[in-house]
Each structure stands twice: as structure tokens, then as C-alpha cells.
Amino acid sequence: MSADTTPPLKHKELLDEWISKNYEEYCDFTEMMHSADGIGFERVFDFASKLAPGFKKAVILRMKDDRATDFKNLEEMLHEAKVGNILLAGFENPLPDSMIPPMLAWLFRGRSFECMVELGE
């Protein structure tokens, strides 16, 4: 089934299957993301910046604007760059050493929200 037609539940099952088959890689990625030095977030941000030209500059401008109340322009930029489709394709057919499978597994099945809050404090 293509990335566009696979039901969302199936993707969750695929993430669980990937974690069970690649548990050490998943744990390594999780450890990197929970590192106090922020190296994991830097790697993910750099990756997103490569997928969506102009994303890095837009994030920096957003961080400087203390009047901004939402992230709509950043979300639109990622949507226009078809980042979701790229990530699904990269999960379904990963290249060697791709960070896409562990990143998606961590985002959907790990403590990603808690980690972002803890490191953001």
C-alpha cells in the first residue's frame, strides 16, 4: 500500500514492529534525544531544515517574535515541502543509517512530549 492510502492505525502497527526489530537503534536514538546537550534536537532540526528550504530561517524569525501566538507559518512550510510524504516514504523504504524510522518511532511511541517539555524548561 502506498504512503497516502495506508490507514493511520497500520502505520502505528508498523512503528511498533520496527521498534521490536530495531530496539537497540530505537534506544540509541531515544538516548540522543534525551541528552541534556540538545544534540538530538539539533540533528532533527537540521534534518527538517534540509527537507524544507527556508525552515531554519523561519524558525529563527519565529523565535525572535515574542508576539507570535501560533506556528501556522512553520506548519504550512513543512506541509508545502511535503515533509509528511517524505517521512512516510523514508520509513517504508529507509536508506541505511536513516534517522527517519527511529525518529518517527520516538515521536509516536516514545516520551517525546515529556522530553521536549523537560529540555525546554
N, C-alpha and C. Protein backbone atom coordinates (compact mmCIF):
# COMPACT_ATOMS: atom_id res chain seq x y z
N MET A 1 0.83 -1.18 0.00
CA MET A 1 0.00 0.00 0.00
C MET A 1 0.88 1.25 0.00
N SER A 2 0.51 2.28 -0.69
CA SER A 2 1.32 3.49 -0.74
C SER A 2 1.15 4.29 0.54
N ALA A 3 2.08 5.24 0.74
CA ALA A 3 2.06 6.06 1.95
C ALA A 3 0.75 6.85 2.07
N ASP A 4 0.15 7.20 0.96
CA ASP A 4 -1.05 8.02 1.00
C ASP A 4 -2.31 7.23 1.35
N THR A 5 -2.30 5.91 1.15
CA THR A 5 -3.51 5.15 1.36
C THR A 5 -3.44 4.21 2.56
N THR A 6 -2.30 4.10 3.22
CA THR A 6 -2.18 3.23 4.38
C THR A 6 -2.94 3.85 5.54
N PRO A 7 -3.85 3.10 6.15
CA PRO A 7 -4.60 3.65 7.28
C PRO A 7 -3.66 4.02 8.43
N PRO A 8 -3.99 5.09 9.19
CA PRO A 8 -3.14 5.53 10.29
C PRO A 8 -2.84 4.42 11.29
N LEU A 9 -3.81 3.58 11.60
CA LEU A 9 -3.58 2.50 12.55
C LEU A 9 -2.49 1.57 12.06
N LYS A 10 -2.46 1.31 10.77
CA LYS A 10 -1.45 0.44 10.19
C LYS A 10 -0.06 1.03 10.39
N HIS A 11 0.07 2.35 10.27
CA HIS A 11 1.37 2.97 10.49
C HIS A 11 1.82 2.79 11.93
N LYS A 12 0.90 2.87 12.88
CA LYS A 12 1.25 2.65 14.29
C LYS A 12 1.72 1.22 14.50
N GLU A 13 1.06 0.28 13.86
CA GLU A 13 1.48 -1.11 13.95
C GLU A 13 2.87 -1.29 13.34
N LEU A 14 3.12 -0.61 12.23
CA LEU A 14 4.43 -0.69 11.59
C LEU A 14 5.51 -0.09 12.49
N LEU A 15 5.19 1.00 13.19
CA LEU A 15 6.15 1.59 14.13
C LEU A 15 6.47 0.61 15.25
N ASP A 16 5.45 -0.02 15.80
CA ASP A 16 5.66 -1.00 16.87
C ASP A 16 6.52 -2.16 16.38
N GLU A 17 6.25 -2.61 15.17
CA GLU A 17 7.02 -3.70 14.58
C GLU A 17 8.47 -3.27 14.38
N TRP A 18 8.67 -2.04 13.89
CA TRP A 18 10.03 -1.55 13.68
C TRP A 18 10.78 -1.49 15.00
N ILE A 19 10.13 -0.99 16.05
CA ILE A 19 10.78 -0.90 17.36
C ILE A 19 11.20 -2.29 17.85
N SER A 20 10.31 -3.26 17.71
CA SER A 20 10.64 -4.60 18.21
C SER A 20 11.81 -5.22 17.43
N LYS A 21 11.94 -4.89 16.17
CA LYS A 21 13.02 -5.44 15.35
C LYS A 21 14.31 -4.63 15.44
N ASN A 22 14.21 -3.37 15.89
CA ASN A 22 15.37 -2.47 15.91
C ASN A 22 15.49 -1.79 17.27
N TYR A 23 15.29 -2.56 18.32
CA TYR A 23 15.19 -1.98 19.65
C TYR A 23 16.46 -1.23 20.06
N GLU A 24 17.61 -1.75 19.75
CA GLU A 24 18.85 -1.07 20.13
C GLU A 24 18.98 0.28 19.42
N GLU A 25 18.66 0.32 18.14
CA GLU A 25 18.70 1.58 17.39
C GLU A 25 17.70 2.58 17.96
N TYR A 26 16.51 2.09 18.32
CA TYR A 26 15.49 2.94 18.93
C TYR A 26 16.01 3.50 20.26
N CYS A 27 16.61 2.66 21.08
CA CYS A 27 17.13 3.11 22.38
C CYS A 27 18.26 4.12 22.20
N ASP A 28 19.12 3.90 21.21
CA ASP A 28 20.21 4.86 20.95
C ASP A 28 19.64 6.22 20.55
N PHE A 29 18.62 6.21 19.70
CA PHE A 29 18.01 7.46 19.27
C PHE A 29 17.34 8.15 20.46
N THR A 30 16.62 7.38 21.27
CA THR A 30 15.96 7.93 22.44
C THR A 30 16.97 8.56 23.39
N GLU A 31 18.08 7.88 23.61
CA GLU A 31 19.14 8.42 24.47
C GLU A 31 19.67 9.74 23.92
N MET A 32 19.87 9.79 22.61
CA MET A 32 20.36 11.02 21.99
C MET A 32 19.35 12.15 22.18
N MET A 33 18.07 11.86 22.03
CA MET A 33 17.05 12.89 22.17
C MET A 33 16.91 13.38 23.61
N HIS A 34 17.21 12.53 24.57
CA HIS A 34 17.09 12.90 25.98
C HIS A 34 18.39 13.48 26.53
N SER A 35 19.40 13.61 25.70
CA SER A 35 20.67 14.17 26.13
C SER A 35 20.51 15.64 26.49
N ALA A 36 21.07 16.02 27.61
CA ALA A 36 20.93 17.40 28.10
C ALA A 36 21.61 18.42 27.18
N ASP A 37 22.54 17.97 26.35
CA ASP A 37 23.23 18.91 25.47
C ASP A 37 22.41 19.30 24.23
N GLY A 38 21.26 18.66 24.04
CA GLY A 38 20.36 19.01 22.95
C GLY A 38 20.80 18.54 21.58
N ILE A 39 21.78 17.65 21.51
CA ILE A 39 22.31 17.21 20.22
C ILE A 39 21.23 16.53 19.37
N GLY A 40 20.33 15.80 20.00
CA GLY A 40 19.27 15.14 19.25
C GLY A 40 18.35 16.13 18.56
N PHE A 41 17.97 17.17 19.29
CA PHE A 41 17.09 18.17 18.72
C PHE A 41 17.80 18.94 17.59
N GLU A 42 19.08 19.16 17.75
CA GLU A 42 19.84 19.82 16.69
C GLU A 42 19.84 18.97 15.42
N ARG A 43 20.05 17.67 15.57
CA ARG A 43 20.08 16.78 14.41
C ARG A 43 18.73 16.75 13.71
N VAL A 44 17.64 16.67 14.49
CA VAL A 44 16.30 16.65 13.91
C VAL A 44 16.00 17.98 13.23
N PHE A 45 16.37 19.08 13.86
CA PHE A 45 16.15 20.41 13.28
C PHE A 45 16.94 20.57 11.98
N ASP A 46 18.18 20.13 11.97
CA ASP A 46 18.99 20.20 10.74
C ASP A 46 18.37 19.35 9.63
N PHE A 47 17.85 18.19 10.01
CA PHE A 47 17.20 17.30 9.05
C PHE A 47 15.97 17.98 8.46
N ALA A 48 15.13 18.56 9.32
CA ALA A 48 13.91 19.26 8.85
C ALA A 48 14.29 20.43 7.96
N SER A 49 15.37 21.11 8.31
CA SER A 49 15.81 22.27 7.52
C SER A 49 16.25 21.87 6.12
N LYS A 50 16.79 20.66 5.99
CA LYS A 50 17.19 20.17 4.67
C LYS A 50 15.96 19.80 3.82
N LEU A 51 14.93 19.29 4.49
CA LEU A 51 13.72 18.89 3.77
C LEU A 51 12.88 20.07 3.31
N ALA A 52 12.90 21.15 4.10
CA ALA A 52 12.08 22.32 3.79
C ALA A 52 12.97 23.56 3.74
N PRO A 53 13.40 23.93 2.53
CA PRO A 53 14.25 25.11 2.41
C PRO A 53 13.58 26.34 3.03
N GLY A 54 14.35 27.09 3.78
CA GLY A 54 13.82 28.28 4.43
C GLY A 54 13.27 28.02 5.82
N PHE A 55 13.16 26.75 6.21
CA PHE A 55 12.59 26.41 7.51
C PHE A 55 13.44 26.96 8.66
N LYS A 56 14.74 26.80 8.54
CA LYS A 56 15.64 27.25 9.62
C LYS A 56 15.50 28.76 9.84
N LYS A 57 15.51 29.51 8.77
CA LYS A 57 15.38 30.96 8.88
C LYS A 57 14.02 31.33 9.48
N ALA A 58 12.97 30.64 9.05
CA ALA A 58 11.63 30.93 9.55
C ALA A 58 11.52 30.63 11.05
N VAL A 59 12.16 29.56 11.49
CA VAL A 59 12.14 29.21 12.92
C VAL A 59 12.88 30.28 13.73
N ILE A 60 14.01 30.71 13.24
CA ILE A 60 14.78 31.75 13.94
C ILE A 60 13.97 33.03 14.04
N LEU A 61 13.32 33.43 12.96
CA LEU A 61 12.48 34.63 12.98
C LEU A 61 11.32 34.44 13.96
N ARG A 62 10.73 33.26 13.98
CA ARG A 62 9.60 32.97 14.88
C ARG A 62 10.06 33.07 16.34
N MET A 63 11.26 32.59 16.63
CA MET A 63 11.78 32.64 18.00
C MET A 63 12.04 34.08 18.45
N LYS A 64 12.36 34.95 17.53
CA LYS A 64 12.63 36.35 17.86
C LYS A 64 11.35 37.16 18.03
N ASP A 65 10.23 36.66 17.52
CA ASP A 65 8.97 37.39 17.56
C ASP A 65 8.16 36.95 18.78
N ASP A 66 8.26 37.71 19.86
CA ASP A 66 7.55 37.32 21.07
C ASP A 66 6.05 37.62 21.01
N ARG A 67 5.61 38.22 19.90
CA ARG A 67 4.18 38.49 19.72
C ARG A 67 3.47 37.35 19.00
N ALA A 68 4.22 36.46 18.40
CA ALA A 68 3.64 35.35 17.65
C ALA A 68 2.89 34.42 18.60
N THR A 69 1.71 34.00 18.20
CA THR A 69 0.89 33.16 19.07
C THR A 69 0.67 31.75 18.53
N ASP A 70 1.12 31.49 17.31
CA ASP A 70 0.94 30.15 16.77
C ASP A 70 2.12 29.78 15.87
N PHE A 71 2.07 28.59 15.36
CA PHE A 71 3.14 28.08 14.50
C PHE A 71 2.64 27.82 13.08
N LYS A 72 1.54 28.47 12.73
CA LYS A 72 0.89 28.19 11.45
C LYS A 72 1.83 28.33 10.25
N ASN A 73 2.63 29.38 10.22
CA ASN A 73 3.51 29.56 9.06
C ASN A 73 4.57 28.46 8.97
N LEU A 74 5.05 27.97 10.11
CA LEU A 74 6.02 26.88 10.09
C LEU A 74 5.36 25.59 9.65
N GLU A 75 4.16 25.33 10.14
CA GLU A 75 3.41 24.14 9.73
C GLU A 75 3.13 24.16 8.24
N GLU A 76 2.74 25.33 7.72
CA GLU A 76 2.46 25.45 6.29
C GLU A 76 3.71 25.20 5.46
N MET A 77 4.84 25.69 5.95
CA MET A 77 6.10 25.50 5.23
C MET A 77 6.43 24.00 5.13
N LEU A 78 6.27 23.28 6.22
CA LEU A 78 6.53 21.84 6.21
C LEU A 78 5.53 21.11 5.33
N HIS A 79 4.27 21.54 5.38
CA HIS A 79 3.24 20.93 4.54
C HIS A 79 3.54 21.15 3.06
N GLU A 80 3.89 22.37 2.70
CA GLU A 80 4.19 22.68 1.29
C GLU A 80 5.39 21.91 0.78
N ALA A 81 6.35 21.63 1.66
CA ALA A 81 7.53 20.86 1.27
C ALA A 81 7.24 19.36 1.23
N LYS A 82 5.98 18.99 1.57
CA LYS A 82 5.56 17.59 1.58
C LYS A 82 6.43 16.73 2.50
N VAL A 83 6.79 17.31 3.64
CA VAL A 83 7.64 16.62 4.60
C VAL A 83 6.97 15.34 5.10
N GLY A 84 5.66 15.37 5.32
CA GLY A 84 4.95 14.18 5.76
C GLY A 84 5.11 13.02 4.79
N ASN A 85 4.96 13.30 3.51
CA ASN A 85 5.12 12.25 2.48
C ASN A 85 6.56 11.74 2.44
N ILE A 86 7.51 12.65 2.59
CA ILE A 86 8.93 12.26 2.58
C ILE A 86 9.23 11.35 3.76
N LEU A 87 8.69 11.70 4.94
CA LEU A 87 8.93 10.89 6.13
C LEU A 87 8.31 9.51 6.00
N LEU A 88 7.08 9.44 5.50
CA LEU A 88 6.44 8.13 5.31
C LEU A 88 7.21 7.28 4.32
N ALA A 89 7.63 7.88 3.22
CA ALA A 89 8.41 7.13 2.23
C ALA A 89 9.73 6.67 2.84
N GLY A 90 10.36 7.53 3.63
CA GLY A 90 11.62 7.18 4.28
C GLY A 90 11.47 6.12 5.35
N PHE A 91 10.27 6.01 5.91
CA PHE A 91 10.01 4.95 6.88
C PHE A 91 9.74 3.63 6.18
N GLU A 92 8.96 3.69 5.13
CA GLU A 92 8.59 2.47 4.42
C GLU A 92 9.75 1.87 3.63
N ASN A 93 10.66 2.72 3.16
CA ASN A 93 11.83 2.28 2.39
C ASN A 93 13.07 3.02 2.90
N PRO A 94 13.49 2.73 4.13
CA PRO A 94 14.59 3.50 4.72
C PRO A 94 15.93 3.24 4.04
N LEU A 95 16.70 4.29 3.95
CA LEU A 95 18.08 4.17 3.48
C LEU A 95 18.94 3.73 4.67
N PRO A 96 20.10 3.15 4.41
CA PRO A 96 20.98 2.78 5.53
C PRO A 96 21.31 4.02 6.37
N ASP A 97 21.34 3.87 7.66
CA ASP A 97 21.65 4.95 8.62
C ASP A 97 20.65 6.10 8.58
N SER A 98 19.46 5.87 8.08
CA SER A 98 18.43 6.91 8.07
C SER A 98 17.92 7.14 9.48
N MET A 99 17.72 8.40 9.84
CA MET A 99 17.17 8.70 11.15
C MET A 99 15.65 8.70 11.14
N ILE A 100 15.04 8.52 9.99
CA ILE A 100 13.58 8.60 9.89
C ILE A 100 12.87 7.52 10.72
N PRO A 101 13.20 6.23 10.59
CA PRO A 101 12.47 5.25 11.40
C PRO A 101 12.59 5.47 12.91
N PRO A 102 13.79 5.66 13.46
CA PRO A 102 13.83 5.87 14.91
C PRO A 102 13.18 7.18 15.34
N MET A 103 13.28 8.20 14.51
CA MET A 103 12.68 9.49 14.84
C MET A 103 11.16 9.37 14.91
N LEU A 104 10.56 8.74 13.91
CA LEU A 104 9.10 8.58 13.92
C LEU A 104 8.66 7.67 15.07
N ALA A 105 9.42 6.61 15.32
CA ALA A 105 9.07 5.72 16.43
C ALA A 105 9.12 6.48 17.75
N TRP A 106 10.13 7.31 17.93
CA TRP A 106 10.25 8.09 19.17
C TRP A 106 9.14 9.12 19.28
N LEU A 107 8.81 9.78 18.18
CA LEU A 107 7.75 10.79 18.23
C LEU A 107 6.40 10.19 18.57
N PHE A 108 6.10 9.02 18.02
CA PHE A 108 4.78 8.44 18.20
C PHE A 108 4.68 7.44 19.34
N ARG A 109 5.77 6.82 19.72
CA ARG A 109 5.71 5.78 20.75
C ARG A 109 6.60 6.05 21.95
N GLY A 110 7.46 7.05 21.86
CA GLY A 110 8.37 7.35 22.97
C GLY A 110 7.82 8.45 23.87
N ARG A 111 8.67 8.93 24.73
CA ARG A 111 8.31 10.01 25.63
C ARG A 111 8.70 11.36 25.00
N SER A 112 8.37 11.55 23.76
CA SER A 112 8.81 12.75 23.04
C SER A 112 8.26 14.03 23.65
N PHE A 113 6.98 14.06 23.98
CA PHE A 113 6.39 15.29 24.53
C PHE A 113 7.03 15.62 25.87
N GLU A 114 7.14 14.62 26.75
CA GLU A 114 7.74 14.84 28.05
C GLU A 114 9.19 15.32 27.91
N CYS A 115 9.91 14.73 26.98
CA CYS A 115 11.30 15.12 26.76
C CYS A 115 11.39 16.56 26.31
N MET A 116 10.53 16.97 25.37
CA MET A 116 10.56 18.34 24.86
C MET A 116 10.25 19.32 25.97
N VAL A 117 9.31 18.99 26.84
CA VAL A 117 8.96 19.86 27.96
C VAL A 117 10.12 19.95 28.94
N GLU A 118 10.70 18.80 29.28
CA GLU A 118 11.80 18.78 30.25
C GLU A 118 12.99 19.58 29.74
N LEU A 119 13.40 19.37 28.50
CA LEU A 119 14.55 20.08 27.96
C LEU A 119 14.24 21.54 27.67
N GLY A 120 12.97 21.86 27.46
CA GLY A 120 12.59 23.22 27.18
C GLY A 120 12.49 24.11 28.42
N GLU A 121 12.46 23.48 29.59
CA GLU A 121 12.28 24.26 30.82
C GLU A 121 13.52 24.99 31.21
